[in-house]
Amino acid sequence: MSRVITLKGHYHTYMACSLWMTSAVKKTILLVLGVVVAVVFVARFIPLPPTPVQAHIELKSNPYPLVIGQASLFFSVIGANGAPVETQDFAVDVEMNHAAMLSLYAPVTRTAAHTFQTSIIWSMYGEWYVRVQAVLADGTLLKDTFPVYVYPIMITAPDYENQFRSESQNQSIITDPDHQYVITIPQGTQAMQLAGMVGEMIFPEEIRLSVRGKNTLIIQNNDLVTHTVGPFTIAPGEVIRQTFTAPNKFVGVCTIGMSTVSIIIEE
């Protein structure tokens, strides 16, 4: 007599039959089971490697914000618990967000237990990228890019600010991409507007959301001044989140694109 059973999606056929075990066979089976149990018991108590530390690179500067001329950049790695992480070395290069601009390599030196420093002479004002690699004590390699803005003259920054947000930190606010519409206001937005560089800033005049789809609007302000997007006012360094549960429409001023913006929430 035969029957079919299912095991993890596979089909197996077996014949029911009687099996006579001798005492020697039983002893052999018990011995094998004993070895298996011992191996499992020992394996349970073998120390496992430590879980990798979730860390991020932190960038600060003097002066802050950056201005044409020489400035010092300070790098460190911060763990998930907010404490510095032991780091072997950093590698840094900078590049302006401009056609035909070459990357500049910046030598880095250790200045404190967990802090490294380099010096950059900023030759032009505008948008720059600081690309950073950090090698942790265990050999782990971290990479990140910091969008920074170099101002033509020194301006007053908010008291709490003296560090930059990296691209990975900007992306970290996105937790549900299917339902979130994210706007990131970069540092230097107002300065570019005053310099007549509004044409380089692309911002939609209409934002369409859906109650059943992208129903949450997230606005992150990395600029040093307050901005307005329709009915929302976002202070420097602030992130706002608004979830819409019913159809609606908002029209208001947008200081990012120097125009008006319509926020339309559909069913």
Foldseek 3Di string as FASTA:
>chain_A
DWDWDDDPRDIDIDDDDDDDDDPVNVVVVVVVVVVVVVVVVVVVPDDDDDDDWDKDKWKFKPPPPAAAFKIKIKIFIATPVRHTAAFDDKWKWKWFPDPPTDIGTWDWDDDDRGMIMTMDHHHDWAKMKMWMWIQGPVRDIDIWIFIHTYHHDDDDFPPVDGITAIPVNQVVVDDDVFAEDEAEAAACLVVCVVVVNLVVQDDDQEAEHELPTNFKYKYAYCYRAWWDAFPDIAGHRGIDMDGDNDWDKTKDAGPNNRGIHIYTYYD
